[in-house]
Amino acid sequence: MKNFYIATLVAWLVWILFLDNNNMRVVVSNRMKMKDLEKEKAVLLEKIGQVKKERNEVFGNPKMLEKWAREKFMMRRPKEEVYVIVDENNQPVESKKEE
């Protein structure tokens, strides 16, 4: 009787680990995909936060809206040249806060 239970347990483990539709290979693969997607989600949430912050800054102030349109899309008034001065980190000098 003892061998029957051991044999049944071994057969069940083999079935669960290798033969089932949700075997160990599938479970490990799905967990790796989930970790990758969670990392991607964190990056995208950070980008969303940056875009929302920029949007609130730009659309709350007409001068900032004009500045943003000029810097990001190189828009200009007729017969006008646009120059953007940047620092060593490639950031516009005007966007730095006085400390």
N, C-alpha and C. Protein backbone atom coordinates (compact mmCIF):
# COMPACT_ATOMS: atom_id res chain seq x y z
N MET A 1 0.82 -1.19 0.00
CA MET A 1 0.00 0.00 0.00
C MET A 1 0.87 1.26 0.00
N LYS A 2 2.00 1.21 0.69
CA LYS A 2 2.89 2.35 0.78
C LYS A 2 3.47 2.71 -0.60
N ASN A 3 3.81 1.70 -1.37
CA ASN A 3 4.37 1.93 -2.71
C ASN A 3 3.33 2.54 -3.66
N PHE A 4 2.07 2.22 -3.46
CA PHE A 4 1.00 2.75 -4.29
C PHE A 4 0.92 4.27 -4.11
N TYR A 5 0.98 4.74 -2.85
CA TYR A 5 0.91 6.18 -2.59
C TYR A 5 2.14 6.91 -3.13
N ILE A 6 3.29 6.31 -2.99
CA ILE A 6 4.52 6.92 -3.51
C ILE A 6 4.46 6.98 -5.03
N ALA A 7 4.03 5.91 -5.66
CA ALA A 7 3.92 5.88 -7.12
C ALA A 7 2.90 6.90 -7.61
N THR A 8 1.79 7.02 -6.90
CA THR A 8 0.76 7.99 -7.27
C THR A 8 1.30 9.42 -7.12
N LEU A 9 2.02 9.68 -6.02
CA LEU A 9 2.61 10.99 -5.80
C LEU A 9 3.62 11.33 -6.89
N VAL A 10 4.46 10.40 -7.25
CA VAL A 10 5.46 10.62 -8.30
C VAL A 10 4.77 10.87 -9.65
N ALA A 11 3.76 10.08 -9.96
CA ALA A 11 3.03 10.27 -11.22
C ALA A 11 2.36 11.64 -11.25
N TRP A 12 1.77 12.05 -10.13
CA TRP A 12 1.12 13.36 -10.05
C TRP A 12 2.13 14.48 -10.23
N LEU A 13 3.30 14.38 -9.59
CA LEU A 13 4.35 15.39 -9.72
C LEU A 13 4.86 15.49 -11.16
N VAL A 14 5.06 14.35 -11.80
CA VAL A 14 5.51 14.35 -13.20
C VAL A 14 4.46 15.03 -14.07
N TRP A 15 3.20 14.71 -13.82
CA TRP A 15 2.12 15.31 -14.59
C TRP A 15 2.10 16.83 -14.40
N ILE A 16 2.15 17.29 -13.16
CA ILE A 16 2.07 18.72 -12.87
C ILE A 16 3.30 19.46 -13.39
N LEU A 17 4.49 18.89 -13.21
CA LEU A 17 5.72 19.59 -13.57
C LEU A 17 6.00 19.58 -15.07
N PHE A 18 5.60 18.55 -15.79
CA PHE A 18 6.03 18.44 -17.18
C PHE A 18 4.91 18.29 -18.21
N LEU A 19 3.80 17.67 -17.87
CA LEU A 19 2.82 17.32 -18.89
C LEU A 19 1.59 18.23 -18.92
N ASP A 20 1.30 18.93 -17.87
CA ASP A 20 0.12 19.78 -17.78
C ASP A 20 0.28 21.01 -18.69
N ASN A 21 -0.84 21.63 -19.04
CA ASN A 21 -0.78 22.84 -19.87
C ASN A 21 -0.08 23.98 -19.15
N ASN A 22 -0.16 24.03 -17.85
CA ASN A 22 0.50 25.06 -17.05
C ASN A 22 1.69 24.44 -16.33
N ASN A 23 2.59 23.82 -17.08
CA ASN A 23 3.75 23.17 -16.48
C ASN A 23 4.77 24.20 -16.01
N MET A 24 5.84 23.74 -15.42
CA MET A 24 6.83 24.64 -14.82
C MET A 24 7.48 25.57 -15.85
N ARG A 25 7.71 25.09 -17.05
CA ARG A 25 8.31 25.92 -18.09
C ARG A 25 7.41 27.11 -18.40
N VAL A 26 6.13 26.87 -18.51
CA VAL A 26 5.17 27.94 -18.81
C VAL A 26 5.09 28.92 -17.64
N VAL A 27 5.08 28.41 -16.42
CA VAL A 27 4.99 29.27 -15.24
C VAL A 27 6.22 30.17 -15.14
N VAL A 28 7.40 29.61 -15.33
CA VAL A 28 8.64 30.40 -15.25
C VAL A 28 8.68 31.43 -16.38
N SER A 29 8.27 31.05 -17.57
CA SER A 29 8.25 31.97 -18.70
C SER A 29 7.29 33.13 -18.43
N ASN A 30 6.12 32.82 -17.89
CA ASN A 30 5.14 33.86 -17.60
C ASN A 30 5.65 34.81 -16.51
N ARG A 31 6.34 34.30 -15.51
CA ARG A 31 6.88 35.16 -14.46
C ARG A 31 7.96 36.09 -15.01
N MET A 32 8.80 35.58 -15.89
CA MET A 32 9.83 36.43 -16.49
C MET A 32 9.19 37.54 -17.33
N LYS A 33 8.16 37.18 -18.10
CA LYS A 33 7.45 38.20 -18.89
C LYS A 33 6.82 39.24 -17.98
N MET A 34 6.26 38.79 -16.87
CA MET A 34 5.60 39.70 -15.94
C MET A 34 6.61 40.68 -15.34
N LYS A 35 7.81 40.20 -14.99
CA LYS A 35 8.84 41.09 -14.45
C LYS A 35 9.25 42.13 -15.48
N ASP A 36 9.42 41.70 -16.74
CA ASP A 36 9.77 42.64 -17.80
C ASP A 36 8.67 43.69 -18.00
N LEU A 37 7.42 43.25 -17.97
CA LEU A 37 6.31 44.18 -18.16
C LEU A 37 6.19 45.14 -16.98
N GLU A 38 6.49 44.68 -15.77
CA GLU A 38 6.45 45.58 -14.61
C GLU A 38 7.53 46.65 -14.71
N LYS A 39 8.72 46.27 -15.20
CA LYS A 39 9.79 47.26 -15.40
C LYS A 39 9.36 48.28 -16.45
N GLU A 40 8.78 47.80 -17.54
CA GLU A 40 8.33 48.69 -18.60
C GLU A 40 7.22 49.62 -18.08
N LYS A 41 6.33 49.08 -17.25
CA LYS A 41 5.26 49.88 -16.67
C LYS A 41 5.83 51.01 -15.81
N ALA A 42 6.85 50.70 -15.01
CA ALA A 42 7.46 51.72 -14.16
C ALA A 42 8.07 52.84 -15.00
N VAL A 43 8.74 52.47 -16.08
CA VAL A 43 9.35 53.48 -16.96
C VAL A 43 8.26 54.34 -17.60
N LEU A 44 7.21 53.71 -18.06
CA LEU A 44 6.13 54.46 -18.72
C LEU A 44 5.39 55.36 -17.73
N LEU A 45 5.20 54.89 -16.50
CA LEU A 45 4.55 55.73 -15.49
C LEU A 45 5.40 56.96 -15.17
N GLU A 46 6.71 56.78 -15.16
CA GLU A 46 7.61 57.92 -14.92
C GLU A 46 7.49 58.92 -16.07
N LYS A 47 7.46 58.42 -17.30
CA LYS A 47 7.31 59.30 -18.45
C LYS A 47 5.97 60.03 -18.41
N ILE A 48 4.92 59.34 -18.00
CA ILE A 48 3.60 59.97 -17.90
C ILE A 48 3.64 61.10 -16.88
N GLY A 49 4.31 60.86 -15.77
CA GLY A 49 4.44 61.91 -14.76
C GLY A 49 5.18 63.12 -15.29
N GLN A 50 6.24 62.91 -16.06
CA GLN A 50 6.98 64.02 -16.63
C GLN A 50 6.12 64.80 -17.63
N VAL A 51 5.36 64.09 -18.44
CA VAL A 51 4.51 64.75 -19.43
C VAL A 51 3.41 65.56 -18.73
N LYS A 52 2.82 64.99 -17.67
CA LYS A 52 1.77 65.72 -16.95
C LYS A 52 2.34 66.98 -16.30
N LYS A 53 3.53 66.87 -15.74
CA LYS A 53 4.16 68.04 -15.11
C LYS A 53 4.42 69.12 -16.16
N GLU A 54 4.96 68.71 -17.30
CA GLU A 54 5.24 69.66 -18.37
C GLU A 54 3.95 70.29 -18.89
N ARG A 55 2.92 69.48 -19.03
CA ARG A 55 1.64 69.99 -19.54
C ARG A 55 1.06 71.04 -18.59
N ASN A 56 1.12 70.74 -17.29
CA ASN A 56 0.59 71.70 -16.31
C ASN A 56 1.38 73.00 -16.33
N GLU A 57 2.69 72.92 -16.50
CA GLU A 57 3.52 74.13 -16.56
C GLU A 57 3.22 74.93 -17.82
N VAL A 58 3.08 74.24 -18.93
CA VAL A 58 2.94 74.93 -20.22
C VAL A 58 1.56 75.52 -20.41
N PHE A 59 0.52 74.74 -20.18
CA PHE A 59 -0.82 75.22 -20.51
C PHE A 59 -1.38 76.17 -19.45
N GLY A 60 -0.70 76.35 -18.35
CA GLY A 60 -1.17 77.29 -17.34
C GLY A 60 -0.68 78.70 -17.59
N ASN A 61 0.24 78.88 -18.52
CA ASN A 61 0.86 80.18 -18.72
C ASN A 61 1.04 80.41 -20.22
N PRO A 62 0.43 81.46 -20.79
CA PRO A 62 0.55 81.70 -22.24
C PRO A 62 1.99 81.93 -22.71
N LYS A 63 2.82 82.57 -21.88
CA LYS A 63 4.22 82.79 -22.27
C LYS A 63 4.97 81.47 -22.32
N MET A 64 4.69 80.59 -21.37
CA MET A 64 5.34 79.28 -21.36
C MET A 64 4.87 78.45 -22.55
N LEU A 65 3.60 78.61 -22.94
CA LEU A 65 3.08 77.88 -24.10
C LEU A 65 3.83 78.30 -25.35
N GLU A 66 4.03 79.60 -25.51
CA GLU A 66 4.78 80.09 -26.67
C GLU A 66 6.22 79.59 -26.63
N LYS A 67 6.84 79.65 -25.47
CA LYS A 67 8.22 79.18 -25.31
C LYS A 67 8.33 77.69 -25.63
N TRP A 68 7.38 76.92 -25.13
CA TRP A 68 7.38 75.46 -25.37
C TRP A 68 7.22 75.16 -26.85
N ALA A 69 6.30 75.86 -27.51
CA ALA A 69 6.09 75.64 -28.94
C ALA A 69 7.34 76.00 -29.74
N ARG A 70 8.00 77.06 -29.34
CA ARG A 70 9.22 77.47 -30.05
C ARG A 70 10.34 76.47 -29.84
N GLU A 71 10.52 75.99 -28.60
CA GLU A 71 11.64 75.09 -28.31
C GLU A 71 11.41 73.68 -28.83
N LYS A 72 10.22 73.15 -28.61
CA LYS A 72 9.97 71.76 -28.97
C LYS A 72 9.73 71.57 -30.46
N PHE A 73 9.00 72.48 -31.05
CA PHE A 73 8.60 72.31 -32.43
C PHE A 73 9.25 73.31 -33.37
N MET A 74 10.18 74.11 -32.84
CA MET A 74 10.89 75.11 -33.63
C MET A 74 9.93 76.02 -34.37
N MET A 75 8.82 76.35 -33.73
CA MET A 75 7.88 77.30 -34.33
C MET A 75 8.45 78.70 -34.18
N ARG A 76 8.06 79.56 -35.08
CA ARG A 76 8.56 80.91 -35.05
C ARG A 76 7.54 81.84 -35.69
N ARG A 77 7.73 83.10 -35.43
CA ARG A 77 6.90 84.10 -36.09
C ARG A 77 7.48 84.34 -37.48
N PRO A 78 6.67 84.88 -38.38
CA PRO A 78 7.20 85.15 -39.73
C PRO A 78 8.43 86.06 -39.68
N LYS A 79 9.41 85.75 -40.48
CA LYS A 79 10.65 86.52 -40.60
C LYS A 79 11.39 86.62 -39.27
N GLU A 80 11.43 85.53 -38.54
CA GLU A 80 12.10 85.51 -37.25
C GLU A 80 12.95 84.24 -37.16
N GLU A 81 14.15 84.34 -36.61
CA GLU A 81 15.01 83.19 -36.39
C GLU A 81 14.94 82.80 -34.91
N VAL A 82 14.95 81.50 -34.65
CA VAL A 82 14.86 81.01 -33.28
C VAL A 82 16.17 80.34 -32.90
N TYR A 83 16.74 80.75 -31.77
CA TYR A 83 17.96 80.15 -31.24
C TYR A 83 17.67 79.68 -29.82
N VAL A 84 18.06 78.44 -29.51
CA VAL A 84 17.91 77.91 -28.16
C VAL A 84 19.30 77.71 -27.59
N ILE A 85 19.56 78.35 -26.48
CA ILE A 85 20.87 78.24 -25.82
C ILE A 85 20.77 77.15 -24.77
N VAL A 86 21.69 76.18 -24.84
CA VAL A 86 21.66 75.06 -23.90
C VAL A 86 22.96 75.01 -23.11
N ASP A 87 22.90 74.36 -21.95
CA ASP A 87 24.10 74.20 -21.13
C ASP A 87 24.82 72.90 -21.51
N GLU A 88 25.81 72.50 -20.72
CA GLU A 88 26.60 71.31 -21.04
C GLU A 88 25.78 70.02 -20.93
N ASN A 89 24.63 70.05 -20.24
CA ASN A 89 23.76 68.88 -20.13
C ASN A 89 22.65 68.88 -21.17
N ASN A 90 22.75 69.76 -22.15
CA ASN A 90 21.78 69.89 -23.23
C ASN A 90 20.40 70.29 -22.71
N GLN A 91 20.37 71.10 -21.65
CA GLN A 91 19.13 71.63 -21.09
C GLN A 91 19.07 73.13 -21.39
N PRO A 92 17.88 73.63 -21.74
CA PRO A 92 17.77 75.07 -22.00
C PRO A 92 18.16 75.87 -20.77
N VAL A 93 18.89 76.95 -20.96
CA VAL A 93 19.39 77.76 -19.86
C VAL A 93 18.22 78.42 -19.13
N GLU A 94 17.17 78.82 -19.83
CA GLU A 94 16.04 79.51 -19.23
C GLU A 94 15.27 78.64 -18.25
N SER A 95 15.34 77.31 -18.40
CA SER A 95 14.53 76.44 -17.55
C SER A 95 15.14 76.23 -16.17
N LYS A 96 16.40 76.68 -15.95
CA LYS A 96 17.04 76.52 -14.64
C LYS A 96 16.44 77.51 -13.65
N LYS A 97 16.20 77.03 -12.45
CA LYS A 97 15.66 77.88 -11.39
C LYS A 97 16.81 78.57 -10.67
N GLU A 98 16.57 79.80 -10.28
CA GLU A 98 17.58 80.54 -9.51
C GLU A 98 17.59 80.01 -8.09
N GLU A 99 18.79 79.75 -7.58
CA GLU A 99 18.90 79.16 -6.24
C GLU A 99 19.51 80.13 -5.28
